Amino acid sequence: MLYQTMEGRLPLGDTFMDYAAFGSGKRAMLLIPGLNLRGVRGAGLSLAWMYRLFAKDYRVYVFDRKEKIAPGCTIWDLAEDVAEAMARLNIPCADVVGVSQGGMIAQALAIRHPELVRKLVLGVTSARANGTIHRVVGGWVAAAEKGDWATINRESITLGYSQAYQRKARWLLPLMARLVKPANGQRFIRLARSILTFDAADELEKITCPALVLGGAQDRIVTGEASLELAERLCCEVYLYDGLGHAAYDEAKDFNQRVMAFLQTN
């Protein structure tokens, strides 16, 4: 199997969490993806290829959210799920990379469970739900309540990716906008709402591990300013990709290289 890729399902309470793992390294890396309509199940090989740079030095774990999401679920609750999943897989500590909502979960994990996080990378995320997040994600919640997944898909593309990328992939993006929808709409809505209540800004001083913030200067979902604020509060290095937005982690050719260089620095 490519990069020793496998997929699994962890029992958590009365539900379960899907995850994928790959790589042959001795150290553990945890990748926490953002809010999406597809999930991790069935994506193990594509994730292993996308993050193959880390496969030699790490055993990489990509956690989905739990299948059952309770009403009123918060980012802090999702971080507790990650901590429980790490315990079940006997992962005592990991380098943690969180993107978008995953970056919020990573912050909460590092605040509540500092012993679990060796180094922290936060991509295109925010310490709190700012006005732009409320407008965009709040709009997605309203669309999801109507079953309007096409709007969510379309905005994820048009707001997330650069114009240059959209021009190159113009034949594929309309297809994605029409076909991708979640198996459980209520689950998506509850996960999206957890973003709107998140605010860790006044607790970031509790994060003691080394951190790196990567963002898109033209981010129209969380804003580039959110990355700058996050780095200022963490007193850590920040890099903003000029010309890129929320999908900088996908578009920037050196995104993974920047993450790796930071993680390998003593």
Protein backbone atom coordinates (compact mmCIF):
# COMPACT_ATOMS: atom_id res chain seq x y z
CA MET A 1 0.00 0.00 0.00
CA LEU A 2 1.27 3.49 -0.90
CA TYR A 3 3.15 4.99 2.09
CA GLN A 4 1.69 2.27 4.34
CA THR A 5 -1.70 3.95 4.10
CA MET A 6 -4.60 2.60 6.08
CA GLU A 7 -8.05 3.77 7.14
CA GLY A 8 -9.75 3.04 10.44
CA ARG A 9 -12.74 3.75 12.61
CA LEU A 10 -12.45 4.55 16.32
CA PRO A 11 -15.36 3.97 18.71
CA LEU A 12 -15.99 7.12 20.76
CA GLY A 13 -18.86 6.90 23.21
CA ASP A 14 -22.04 6.02 21.32
CA THR A 15 -20.54 6.92 17.95
CA PHE A 16 -17.27 6.67 16.02
CA MET A 17 -14.56 8.71 14.32
CA ASP A 18 -13.06 7.84 10.93
CA TYR A 19 -9.36 8.41 10.40
CA ALA A 20 -6.58 7.74 7.92
CA ALA A 21 -2.92 7.07 8.65
CA PHE A 22 0.19 6.85 6.49
CA GLY A 23 3.97 7.14 6.66
CA SER A 24 6.78 5.11 8.20
CA GLY A 25 8.45 7.64 10.50
CA LYS A 26 8.93 7.23 14.23
CA ARG A 27 7.36 10.55 15.20
CA ALA A 28 3.63 11.24 15.10
CA MET A 29 1.99 14.03 13.12
CA LEU A 30 -1.67 14.93 13.43
CA LEU A 31 -3.40 16.69 10.52
CA ILE A 32 -6.76 18.26 11.38
CA PRO A 33 -8.63 19.31 8.22
CA GLY A 34 -11.17 22.08 7.93
CA LEU A 35 -14.95 21.95 7.64
CA ASN A 36 -15.86 20.09 4.46
CA LEU A 37 -18.64 18.11 2.80
CA ARG A 38 -16.69 14.93 2.07
CA GLY A 39 -14.87 13.63 5.13
CA VAL A 40 -11.84 11.35 5.51
CA ARG A 41 -13.34 7.96 4.73
CA GLY A 42 -12.16 6.74 1.33
CA ALA A 43 -9.62 9.57 1.03
CA GLY A 44 -6.63 7.85 2.62
CA LEU A 45 -4.59 7.40 -0.56
CA SER A 46 -5.23 10.91 -1.84
CA LEU A 47 -4.26 12.37 1.55
CA ALA A 48 -1.09 10.26 1.62
CA TRP A 49 -0.13 11.57 -1.82
CA MET A 50 -0.94 15.18 -0.98
CA TYR A 51 1.16 15.03 2.21
CA ARG A 52 3.78 12.53 1.02
CA LEU A 53 6.57 14.92 2.04
CA PHE A 54 5.96 13.92 5.66
CA ALA A 55 5.71 10.16 5.07
CA LYS A 56 9.39 9.34 5.64
CA ASP A 57 9.80 11.13 8.97
CA TYR A 58 6.31 10.71 10.43
CA ARG A 59 3.43 8.39 10.98
CA VAL A 60 0.72 10.83 9.94
CA TYR A 61 -2.84 10.65 11.27
CA VAL A 62 -5.76 12.54 9.74
CA PHE A 63 -8.83 12.65 12.00
CA ASP A 64 -12.35 13.32 10.80
CA ARG A 65 -15.02 14.67 13.19
CA LYS A 66 -17.23 12.20 15.07
CA GLU A 67 -20.13 10.77 13.11
CA LYS A 68 -22.72 11.96 15.65
CA ILE A 69 -22.44 15.64 16.54
CA ALA A 70 -24.52 16.84 19.47
CA PRO A 71 -26.57 20.06 19.30
CA GLY A 72 -24.55 22.95 20.69
CA CYS A 73 -21.23 21.26 19.93
CA THR A 74 -18.24 23.60 20.33
CA ILE A 75 -14.69 23.68 19.00
CA TRP A 76 -13.58 22.80 22.52
CA ASP A 77 -15.72 19.65 22.38
CA LEU A 78 -14.12 18.70 19.06
CA ALA A 79 -10.68 19.14 20.61
CA GLU A 80 -11.64 16.74 23.40
CA ASP A 81 -12.63 14.21 20.73
CA VAL A 82 -9.16 14.54 19.20
CA ALA A 83 -7.52 14.03 22.60
CA GLU A 84 -9.59 10.89 23.16
CA ALA A 85 -8.74 9.57 19.70
CA MET A 86 -5.03 10.14 20.35
CA ALA A 87 -5.30 8.18 23.59
CA ARG A 88 -7.07 5.28 21.85
CA LEU A 89 -4.33 5.13 19.22
CA ASN A 90 -1.57 5.41 21.87
CA ILE A 91 -0.26 8.71 20.53
CA PRO A 92 1.33 10.39 23.59
CA CYS A 93 2.41 13.54 21.72
CA ALA A 94 2.38 14.80 18.14
CA ASP A 95 3.30 17.65 15.87
CA VAL A 96 -0.13 19.12 15.09
CA VAL A 97 -1.10 20.84 11.84
CA GLY A 98 -4.58 22.35 11.71
CA VAL A 99 -6.19 24.06 8.74
CA SER A 100 -9.23 26.39 8.89
CA GLN A 101 -11.68 24.89 11.41
CA GLY A 102 -8.98 22.29 12.05
CA GLY A 103 -6.70 25.14 13.10
CA MET A 104 -9.29 26.23 15.65
CA ILE A 105 -9.46 22.69 16.99
CA ALA A 106 -5.65 22.57 17.11
CA GLN A 107 -5.58 25.78 19.17
CA ALA A 108 -8.12 24.36 21.61
CA LEU A 109 -6.13 21.12 21.87
CA ALA A 110 -2.89 22.97 22.62
CA ILE A 111 -4.65 25.11 25.25
CA ARG A 112 -6.47 22.31 27.06
CA HIS A 113 -3.92 19.51 26.50
CA PRO A 114 -0.46 21.08 26.09
CA GLU A 115 1.20 17.75 26.82
CA LEU A 116 -0.21 16.33 23.57
CA VAL A 117 1.29 18.97 21.25
CA ARG A 118 5.02 19.13 20.52
CA LYS A 119 4.83 21.77 17.77
CA LEU A 120 1.84 23.58 16.30
CA VAL A 121 1.15 24.78 12.76
CA LEU A 122 -1.98 26.85 12.16
CA GLY A 123 -3.05 27.36 8.55
CA VAL A 124 -5.66 29.84 7.23
CA THR A 125 -7.44 30.01 10.56
CA SER A 126 -8.43 32.43 13.31
CA ALA A 127 -8.39 32.73 17.08
CA ARG A 128 -12.02 33.82 17.04
CA ALA A 129 -15.05 34.09 14.81
CA ASN A 130 -14.64 37.53 13.24
CA GLY A 131 -17.17 39.40 11.12
CA THR A 132 -16.11 37.80 7.85
CA ILE A 133 -16.39 34.32 9.33
CA HIS A 134 -19.85 35.09 10.66
CA ARG A 135 -20.98 36.37 7.28
CA VAL A 136 -19.56 33.48 5.21
CA VAL A 137 -20.07 30.51 7.52
CA GLY A 138 -23.39 31.89 8.75
CA GLY A 139 -24.46 31.99 5.11
CA TRP A 140 -23.43 28.36 4.69
CA VAL A 141 -25.52 27.38 7.70
CA ALA A 142 -28.55 29.15 6.19
CA ALA A 143 -27.94 27.46 2.82
CA ALA A 144 -27.50 24.03 4.44
CA GLU A 145 -30.77 24.41 6.31
CA LYS A 146 -32.44 24.77 2.89
CA GLY A 147 -30.49 21.86 1.42
CA ASP A 148 -28.71 24.26 -0.92
CA TRP A 149 -25.37 22.45 -1.13
CA ALA A 150 -24.58 23.92 -4.55
CA THR A 151 -24.21 27.38 -3.03
CA ILE A 152 -21.86 26.09 -0.32
CA ASN A 153 -19.75 24.24 -2.88
CA ARG A 154 -19.66 27.22 -5.20
CA GLU A 155 -18.64 29.67 -2.48
CA SER A 156 -16.03 27.29 -1.11
CA ILE A 157 -14.42 27.48 -4.54
CA THR A 158 -14.99 31.12 -5.48
CA LEU A 159 -14.13 32.49 -2.04
CA GLY A 160 -11.38 29.98 -1.29
CA TYR A 161 -9.31 29.74 -4.46
CA SER A 162 -7.45 32.37 -6.44
CA GLN A 163 -8.77 33.60 -9.77
CA ALA A 164 -5.76 32.02 -11.49
CA TYR A 165 -6.59 28.61 -10.02
CA GLN A 166 -10.25 28.94 -10.94
CA ARG A 167 -9.33 29.70 -14.54
CA LYS A 168 -7.07 26.63 -14.76
CA ALA A 169 -9.70 24.32 -13.24
CA ARG A 170 -12.77 25.92 -14.81
CA TRP A 171 -13.85 22.62 -16.38
CA LEU A 172 -13.75 20.76 -13.03
CA LEU A 173 -15.09 23.28 -10.53
CA PRO A 174 -18.71 23.45 -11.81
CA LEU A 175 -18.89 19.66 -11.58
CA MET A 176 -17.65 19.74 -7.98
CA ALA A 177 -20.19 22.43 -7.11
CA ARG A 178 -23.07 20.26 -8.32
CA LEU A 179 -22.08 16.82 -7.07
CA VAL A 180 -20.52 17.17 -3.61
CA LYS A 181 -22.91 17.01 -0.67
CA PRO A 182 -22.69 15.53 2.84
CA ALA A 183 -24.31 12.28 3.87
CA ASN A 184 -25.66 14.01 6.99
CA GLY A 185 -26.74 17.61 6.54
CA GLN A 186 -27.54 18.20 10.22
CA ARG A 187 -24.03 17.11 11.17
CA PHE A 188 -22.55 19.71 8.80
CA ILE A 189 -24.79 22.42 10.22
CA ARG A 190 -23.78 21.65 13.82
CA LEU A 191 -20.10 21.60 12.90
CA ALA A 192 -20.43 24.90 11.05
CA ARG A 193 -22.20 26.51 14.01
CA SER A 194 -19.31 25.51 16.29
CA ILE A 195 -17.09 27.86 14.27
CA LEU A 196 -19.43 30.79 14.93
CA THR A 197 -19.10 30.48 18.73
CA PHE A 198 -15.33 30.02 18.85
CA ASP A 199 -13.15 32.53 20.71
CA ALA A 200 -9.78 31.48 22.08
CA ALA A 201 -8.08 34.86 21.73
CA ASP A 202 -7.73 35.49 25.46
CA GLU A 203 -6.42 31.96 26.12
CA LEU A 204 -3.68 31.80 23.49
CA GLU A 205 -1.08 32.70 26.11
CA LYS A 206 -1.61 29.18 27.49
CA ILE A 207 -0.04 27.72 24.34
CA THR A 208 3.59 27.13 25.26
CA CYS A 209 4.83 24.96 22.38
CA PRO A 210 6.59 26.45 19.31
CA ALA A 211 4.05 27.64 16.73
CA LEU A 212 3.90 28.75 13.12
CA VAL A 213 1.03 30.57 11.39
CA LEU A 214 0.49 30.36 7.62
CA GLY A 215 -2.24 32.33 5.89
CA GLY A 216 -3.49 33.80 2.65
CA ALA A 217 -3.28 37.57 2.30
CA GLN A 218 -6.48 37.56 0.21
CA ASP A 219 -8.38 35.12 2.41
CA ARG A 220 -12.09 35.90 1.98
CA ILE A 221 -13.31 33.32 4.49
CA VAL A 222 -11.30 34.03 7.66
CA THR A 223 -9.20 37.02 6.37
CA GLY A 224 -5.43 37.46 6.26
CA GLU A 225 -5.71 39.80 9.23
CA ALA A 226 -6.86 36.85 11.34
CA SER A 227 -3.54 35.11 10.69
CA LEU A 228 -1.62 38.24 11.68
CA GLU A 229 -3.64 38.63 14.88
CA LEU A 230 -3.11 34.97 15.73
CA ALA A 231 0.65 35.19 15.27
CA GLU A 232 0.86 38.41 17.26
CA ARG A 233 -0.95 36.87 20.20
CA LEU A 234 1.20 33.73 20.00
CA CYS A 235 4.38 35.76 19.49
CA CYS A 236 5.34 33.39 16.70
CA GLU A 237 6.46 33.45 13.07
CA VAL A 238 3.83 34.12 10.40
CA TYR A 239 3.90 33.90 6.62
CA LEU A 240 1.15 35.27 4.39
CA TYR A 241 0.89 34.12 0.78
CA ASP A 242 0.32 37.18 -1.37
CA GLY A 243 -2.23 36.53 -4.10
CA LEU A 244 -3.69 33.47 -2.38
CA GLY A 245 -6.69 33.05 -0.12
CA HIS A 246 -8.22 30.39 2.09
CA ALA A 247 -7.02 27.52 -0.09
CA ALA A 248 -3.36 28.56 0.24
CA TYR A 249 -2.61 25.17 1.84
CA ASP A 250 -3.79 23.56 -1.42
CA GLU A 251 -2.52 26.09 -3.96
CA ALA A 252 0.89 27.12 -2.58
CA LYS A 253 3.54 24.75 -3.91
CA ASP A 254 5.77 25.30 -0.89
CA PHE A 255 3.13 25.06 1.85
CA ASN A 256 4.18 21.59 3.00
CA GLN A 257 7.86 22.52 2.68
CA ARG A 258 7.36 25.48 5.01
CA VAL A 259 5.60 23.23 7.51
CA MET A 260 8.38 20.65 7.33
CA ALA A 261 11.16 23.22 7.71
CA PHE A 262 9.50 24.56 10.86
CA LEU A 263 8.96 21.10 12.34
CA GLN A 264 12.58 20.09 11.72
CA THR A 265 13.98 23.21 13.38
CA ASN A 266 15.28 22.58 16.90
